[in-house]
């Protein structure tokens, strides 16, 4: 593996960083809101699934217990 000197390394890093497309404030805000919405929907879904499993298990245990 070829070694590069520190100056070349810094130049390469700057060149790669200049290729990065940074998101706008609106894109960041929209993505953040979408993440919170999806997290809330996922939490609600698993809460309902947990409630359903708990109710079903209690019904089965009440029948046999």
PDB file of N, CA and C in Angstrom:
ATOM      1  N   UNK A   1       0.845  -1.165   0.000  1.00  0.00           N
ATOM      2  CA  UNK A   1       0.000   0.000   0.000  1.00  0.00           C
ATOM      3  C   UNK A   1       0.895   1.235   0.000  1.00  0.00           C
ATOM      4  N   UNK A   2       0.648   2.116  -0.941  1.00  0.00           N
ATOM      5  CA  UNK A   2       1.477   3.315  -1.063  1.00  0.00           C
ATOM      6  C   UNK A   2       1.105   4.308   0.035  1.00  0.00           C
ATOM      7  N   UNK A   3       2.123   4.935   0.569  1.00  0.00           N
ATOM      8  CA  UNK A   3       1.902   5.944   1.609  1.00  0.00           C
ATOM      9  C   UNK A   3       1.904   7.319   0.969  1.00  0.00           C
ATOM     10  N   UNK A   4       1.006   8.170   1.426  1.00  0.00           N
ATOM     11  CA  UNK A   4       0.976   9.542   0.939  1.00  0.00           C
ATOM     12  C   UNK A   4       1.464  10.459   2.037  1.00  0.00           C
ATOM     13  N   UNK A   5       2.026  11.553   1.638  1.00  0.00           N
ATOM     14  CA  UNK A   5       2.487  12.478   2.668  1.00  0.00           C
ATOM     15  C   UNK A   5       1.291  13.258   3.215  1.00  0.00           C
ATOM     16  N   UNK A   6       1.449  13.877   4.369  1.00  0.00           N
ATOM     17  CA  UNK A   6       0.314  14.553   5.008  1.00  0.00           C
ATOM     18  C   UNK A   6      -0.306  15.664   4.142  1.00  0.00           C
ATOM     19  N   UNK A   7       0.474  16.361   3.373  1.00  0.00           N
ATOM     20  CA  UNK A   7      -0.054  17.430   2.534  1.00  0.00           C
ATOM     21  C   UNK A   7      -0.984  16.858   1.462  1.00  0.00           C
ATOM     22  N   UNK A   8      -0.567  15.777   0.817  1.00  0.00           N
ATOM     23  CA  UNK A   8      -1.416  15.147  -0.186  1.00  0.00           C
ATOM     24  C   UNK A   8      -2.706  14.606   0.449  1.00  0.00           C
ATOM     25  N   UNK A   9      -2.565  14.045   1.639  1.00  0.00           N
ATOM     26  CA  UNK A   9      -3.735  13.522   2.336  1.00  0.00           C
ATOM     27  C   UNK A   9      -4.752  14.629   2.598  1.00  0.00           C
ATOM     28  N   UNK A  10      -4.297  15.752   3.096  1.00  0.00           N
ATOM     29  CA  UNK A  10      -5.191  16.880   3.384  1.00  0.00           C
ATOM     30  C   UNK A  10      -5.835  17.380   2.096  1.00  0.00           C
ATOM     31  N   UNK A  11      -5.069  17.450   1.021  1.00  0.00           N
ATOM     32  CA  UNK A  11      -5.622  17.884  -0.257  1.00  0.00           C
ATOM     33  C   UNK A  11      -6.703  16.914  -0.740  1.00  0.00           C
ATOM     34  N   UNK A  12      -6.463  15.627  -0.589  1.00  0.00           N
ATOM     35  CA  UNK A  12      -7.452  14.633  -1.001  1.00  0.00           C
ATOM     36  C   UNK A  12      -8.712  14.715  -0.146  1.00  0.00           C
ATOM     37  N   UNK A  13      -8.542  14.927   1.134  1.00  0.00           N
ATOM     38  CA  UNK A  13      -9.693  15.050   2.027  1.00  0.00           C
ATOM     39  C   UNK A  13     -10.510  16.274   1.651  1.00  0.00           C
ATOM     40  N   UNK A  14      -9.864  17.396   1.409  1.00  0.00           N
ATOM     41  CA  UNK A  14     -10.575  18.613   1.015  1.00  0.00           C
ATOM     42  C   UNK A  14     -11.307  18.405  -0.311  1.00  0.00           C
ATOM     43  N   UNK A  15     -10.680  17.686  -1.222  1.00  0.00           N
ATOM     44  CA  UNK A  15     -11.306  17.412  -2.509  1.00  0.00           C
ATOM     45  C   UNK A  15     -12.563  16.563  -2.336  1.00  0.00           C
ATOM     46  N   UNK A  16     -12.501  15.558  -1.482  1.00  0.00           N
ATOM     47  CA  UNK A  16     -13.663  14.695  -1.251  1.00  0.00           C
ATOM     48  C   UNK A  16     -14.764  15.434  -0.504  1.00  0.00           C
ATOM     49  N   UNK A  17     -14.408  16.251   0.467  1.00  0.00           N
ATOM     50  CA  UNK A  17     -15.406  16.994   1.234  1.00  0.00           C
ATOM     51  C   UNK A  17     -16.129  17.997   0.336  1.00  0.00           C
ATOM     52  N   UNK A  18     -15.423  18.543  -0.645  1.00  0.00           N
ATOM     53  CA  UNK A  18     -16.073  19.501  -1.544  1.00  0.00           C
ATOM     54  C   UNK A  18     -17.130  18.826  -2.425  1.00  0.00           C
ATOM     55  N   UNK A  19     -17.081  17.506  -2.560  1.00  0.00           N
ATOM     56  CA  UNK A  19     -18.065  16.771  -3.351  1.00  0.00           C
ATOM     57  C   UNK A  19     -19.347  16.477  -2.570  1.00  0.00           C
ATOM     58  N   UNK A  20     -19.313  16.671  -1.256  1.00  0.00           N
ATOM     59  CA  UNK A  20     -20.464  16.369  -0.419  1.00  0.00           C
ATOM     60  C   UNK A  20     -21.563  17.393  -0.685  1.00  0.00           C
ATOM     61  N   UNK A  21     -22.789  16.890  -0.844  1.00  0.00           N
ATOM     62  CA  UNK A  21     -23.944  17.764  -1.031  1.00  0.00           C
ATOM     63  C   UNK A  21     -24.656  17.842   0.315  1.00  0.00           C
ATOM     64  N   UNK A  22     -24.590  18.995   0.946  1.00  0.00           N
ATOM     65  CA  UNK A  22     -25.177  19.157   2.273  1.00  0.00           C
ATOM     66  C   UNK A  22     -26.664  19.459   2.129  1.00  0.00           C
ATOM     67  N   UNK A  23     -27.506  18.897   3.009  1.00  0.00           N
ATOM     68  CA  UNK A  23     -28.944  19.146   2.924  1.00  0.00           C
ATOM     69  C   UNK A  23     -29.279  20.576   3.357  1.00  0.00           C
ATOM     70  N   UNK A  24     -30.382  21.077   2.824  1.00  0.00           N
ATOM     71  CA  UNK A  24     -30.841  22.400   3.219  1.00  0.00           C
ATOM     72  C   UNK A  24     -31.537  22.309   4.570  1.00  0.00           C
ATOM     73  N   UNK A  25     -31.777  23.454   5.187  1.00  0.00           N
ATOM     74  CA  UNK A  25     -32.461  23.483   6.476  1.00  0.00           C
ATOM     75  C   UNK A  25     -33.854  22.862   6.353  1.00  0.00           C
ATOM     76  N   UNK A  26     -34.538  23.141   5.249  1.00  0.00           N
ATOM     77  CA  UNK A  26     -35.882  22.590   5.028  1.00  0.00           C
ATOM     78  C   UNK A  26     -35.837  21.069   4.919  1.00  0.00           C
ATOM     79  N   UNK A  27     -34.850  20.531   4.213  1.00  0.00           N
ATOM     80  CA  UNK A  27     -34.724  19.074   4.076  1.00  0.00           C
ATOM     81  C   UNK A  27     -34.461  18.421   5.428  1.00  0.00           C
ATOM     82  N   UNK A  28     -33.612  19.040   6.232  1.00  0.00           N
ATOM     83  CA  UNK A  28     -33.308  18.492   7.558  1.00  0.00           C
ATOM     84  C   UNK A  28     -34.556  18.511   8.431  1.00  0.00           C
ATOM     85  N   UNK A  29     -35.289  19.622   8.404  1.00  0.00           N
ATOM     86  CA  UNK A  29     -36.501  19.735   9.202  1.00  0.00           C
ATOM     87  C   UNK A  29     -37.542  18.704   8.762  1.00  0.00           C
ATOM     88  N   UNK A  30     -37.740  18.575   7.468  1.00  0.00           N
ATOM     89  CA  UNK A  30     -38.721  17.627   6.939  1.00  0.00           C
ATOM     90  C   UNK A  30     -38.342  16.183   7.291  1.00  0.00           C
ATOM     91  N   UNK A  31     -37.094  15.847   7.151  1.00  0.00           N
ATOM     92  CA  UNK A  31     -36.634  14.499   7.481  1.00  0.00           C
ATOM     93  C   UNK A  31     -36.787  14.221   8.972  1.00  0.00           C
ATOM     94  N   UNK A  32     -36.471  15.208   9.805  1.00  0.00           N
ATOM     95  CA  UNK A  32     -36.609  15.040  11.251  1.00  0.00           C
ATOM     96  C   UNK A  32     -38.061  14.809  11.636  1.00  0.00           C
ATOM     97  N   UNK A  33     -38.971  15.592  11.054  1.00  0.00           N
ATOM     98  CA  UNK A  33     -40.402  15.423  11.346  1.00  0.00           C
ATOM     99  C   UNK A  33     -40.862  14.036  10.898  1.00  0.00           C
ATOM    100  N   UNK A  34     -40.411  13.594   9.739  1.00  0.00           N
ATOM    101  CA  UNK A  34     -40.800  12.266   9.249  1.00  0.00           C
ATOM    102  C   UNK A  34     -40.297  11.161  10.174  1.00  0.00           C
ATOM    103  N   UNK A  35     -39.103  11.319  10.703  1.00  0.00           N
ATOM    104  CA  UNK A  35     -38.564  10.316  11.630  1.00  0.00           C
ATOM    105  C   UNK A  35     -39.416  10.258  12.893  1.00  0.00           C
ATOM    106  N   UNK A  36     -39.791  11.418  13.431  1.00  0.00           N
ATOM    107  CA  UNK A  36     -40.635  11.426  14.626  1.00  0.00           C
ATOM    108  C   UNK A  36     -42.008  10.815  14.350  1.00  0.00           C
ATOM    109  N   UNK A  37     -42.582  11.103  13.194  1.00  0.00           N
ATOM    110  CA  UNK A  37     -43.881  10.519  12.835  1.00  0.00           C
ATOM    111  C   UNK A  37     -43.773   9.004  12.720  1.00  0.00           C
ATOM    112  N   UNK A  38     -42.750   8.530  12.041  1.00  0.00           N
ATOM    113  CA  UNK A  38     -42.583   7.080  11.887  1.00  0.00           C
ATOM    114  C   UNK A  38     -42.316   6.406  13.236  1.00  0.00           C
ATOM    115  N   UNK A  39     -41.558   7.056  14.109  1.00  0.00           N
ATOM    116  CA  UNK A  39     -41.304   6.497  15.442  1.00  0.00           C
ATOM    117  C   UNK A  39     -42.603   6.411  16.237  1.00  0.00           C
ATOM    118  N   UNK A  40     -43.447   7.439  16.146  1.00  0.00           N
ATOM    119  CA  UNK A  40     -44.723   7.428  16.861  1.00  0.00           C
ATOM    120  C   UNK A  40     -45.645   6.340  16.310  1.00  0.00           C
ATOM    121  N   UNK A  41     -45.705   6.204  14.982  1.00  0.00           N
ATOM    122  CA  UNK A  41     -46.535   5.156  14.380  1.00  0.00           C
ATOM    123  C   UNK A  41     -46.047   3.766  14.772  1.00  0.00           C
ATOM    124  N   UNK A  42     -44.746   3.576  14.779  1.00  0.00           N
ATOM    125  CA  UNK A  42     -44.180   2.283  15.169  1.00  0.00           C
ATOM    126  C   UNK A  42     -44.485   1.979  16.631  1.00  0.00           C
ATOM    127  N   UNK A  43     -44.348   2.977  17.493  1.00  0.00           N
ATOM    128  CA  UNK A  43     -44.649   2.789  18.917  1.00  0.00           C
ATOM    129  C   UNK A  43     -46.118   2.438  19.109  1.00  0.00           C
ATOM    130  N   UNK A  44     -47.004   3.120  18.388  1.00  0.00           N
ATOM    131  CA  UNK A  44     -48.442   2.831  18.499  1.00  0.00           C
ATOM    132  C   UNK A  44     -48.746   1.417  18.005  1.00  0.00           C
ATOM    133  N   UNK A  45     -48.138   1.022  16.898  1.00  0.00           N
ATOM    134  CA  UNK A  45     -48.357  -0.324  16.358  1.00  0.00           C
ATOM    135  C   UNK A  45     -47.935  -1.390  17.370  1.00  0.00           C
ATOM    136  N   UNK A  46     -46.739  -1.252  17.924  1.00  0.00           N
ATOM    137  CA  UNK A  46     -46.271  -2.272  18.869  1.00  0.00           C
ATOM    138  C   UNK A  46     -47.049  -2.231  20.182  1.00  0.00           C
ATOM    139  N   UNK A  47     -47.556  -1.077  20.574  1.00  0.00           N
ATOM    140  CA  UNK A  47     -48.397  -1.008  21.766  1.00  0.00           C
ATOM    141  C   UNK A  47     -49.699  -1.775  21.525  1.00  0.00           C
ATOM    142  N   UNK A  48     -50.280  -1.602  20.337  1.00  0.00           N
ATOM    143  CA  UNK A  48     -51.508  -2.346  20.012  1.00  0.00           C
ATOM    144  C   UNK A  48     -51.248  -3.844  19.918  1.00  0.00           C
ATOM    145  N   UNK A  49     -50.140  -4.231  19.319  1.00  0.00           N
ATOM    146  CA  UNK A  49     -49.805  -5.654  19.242  1.00  0.00           C
ATOM    147  C   UNK A  49     -49.608  -6.222  20.642  1.00  0.00           C
ATOM    148  N   UNK A  50     -48.932  -5.492  21.501  1.00  0.00           N
ATOM    149  CA  UNK A  50     -48.707  -5.937  22.877  1.00  0.00           C
ATOM    150  C   UNK A  50     -50.031  -6.064  23.622  1.00  0.00           C
ATOM    151  N   UNK A  51     -50.908  -5.099  23.428  1.00  0.00           N
ATOM    152  CA  UNK A  51     -52.226  -5.150  24.068  1.00  0.00           C
ATOM    153  C   UNK A  51     -53.014  -6.362  23.582  1.00  0.00           C
ATOM    154  N   UNK A  52     -52.959  -6.628  22.281  1.00  0.00           N
ATOM    155  CA  UNK A  52     -53.669  -7.778  21.731  1.00  0.00           C
ATOM    156  C   UNK A  52     -53.129  -9.093  22.256  1.00  0.00           C
ATOM    157  N   UNK A  53     -51.813  -9.223  22.322  1.00  0.00           N
ATOM    158  CA  UNK A  53     -51.214 -10.462  22.834  1.00  0.00           C
ATOM    159  C   UNK A  53     -51.541 -10.636  24.308  1.00  0.00           C
ATOM    160  N   UNK A  54     -51.464  -9.544  25.066  1.00  0.00           N
ATOM    161  CA  UNK A  54     -51.766  -9.633  26.500  1.00  0.00           C
ATOM    162  C   UNK A  54     -53.219 -10.026  26.729  1.00  0.00           C
ATOM    163  N   UNK A  55     -54.134  -9.426  25.984  1.00  0.00           N
ATOM    164  CA  UNK A  55     -55.553  -9.749  26.133  1.00  0.00           C
ATOM    165  C   UNK A  55     -55.824 -11.202  25.732  1.00  0.00           C
ATOM    166  N   UNK A  56     -55.237 -11.626  24.650  1.00  0.00           N
ATOM    167  CA  UNK A  56     -55.415 -13.011  24.214  1.00  0.00           C
ATOM    168  C   UNK A  56     -54.861 -14.000  25.221  1.00  0.00           C
ATOM    169  N   UNK A  57     -53.703 -13.714  25.759  1.00  0.00           N
ATOM    170  CA  UNK A  57     -53.087 -14.608  26.749  1.00  0.00           C
ATOM    171  C   UNK A  57     -53.912 -14.649  28.022  1.00  0.00           C
ATOM    172  N   UNK A  58     -54.427 -13.489  28.464  1.00  0.00           N
ATOM    173  CA  UNK A  58     -55.281 -13.484  29.649  1.00  0.00           C
ATOM    174  C   UNK A  58     -56.556 -14.274  29.415  1.00  0.00           C
ATOM    175  N   UNK A  59     -57.135 -14.163  28.220  1.00  0.00           N
ATOM    176  CA  UNK A  59     -58.347 -14.934  27.916  1.00  0.00           C
ATOM    177  C   UNK A  59     -58.063 -16.427  27.964  1.00  0.00           C
ATOM    178  N   UNK A  60     -56.959 -16.846  27.381  1.00  0.00           N
ATOM    179  CA  UNK A  60     -56.607 -18.281  27.392  1.00  0.00           C
ATOM    180  C   UNK A  60     -56.356 -18.747  28.808  1.00  0.00           C
ATOM    181  N   UNK A  61     -55.653 -17.950  29.613  1.00  0.00           N
ATOM    182  CA  UNK A  61     -55.380 -18.352  30.986  1.00  0.00           C
ATOM    183  C   UNK A  61     -56.641 -18.378  31.832  1.00  0.00           C
ATOM    184  N   UNK A  62     -57.596 -17.481  31.582  1.00  0.00           N
ATOM    185  CA  UNK A  62     -58.853 -17.484  32.314  1.00  0.00           C
ATOM    186  C   UNK A  62     -59.691 -18.723  31.971  1.00  0.00           C
ATOM    187  N   UNK A  63     -59.615 -19.183  30.704  1.00  0.00           N
ATOM    188  CA  UNK A  63     -60.366 -20.365  30.318  1.00  0.00           C
ATOM    189  C   UNK A  63     -59.817 -21.615  31.022  1.00  0.00           C
ATOM    190  N   UNK A  64     -58.494 -21.740  31.060  1.00  0.00           N
ATOM    191  CA  UNK A  64     -57.873 -22.944  31.629  1.00  0.00           C
ATOM    192  C   UNK A  64     -57.488 -22.786  33.084  1.00  0.00           C
ATOM    193  N   UNK A  65     -57.616 -21.606  33.641  1.00  0.00           N
ATOM    194  CA  UNK A  65     -57.152 -21.393  35.018  1.00  0.00           C
ATOM    195  C   UNK A  65     -58.265 -21.066  35.884  1.00  0.00           C
TER     196      UNK A  65
END
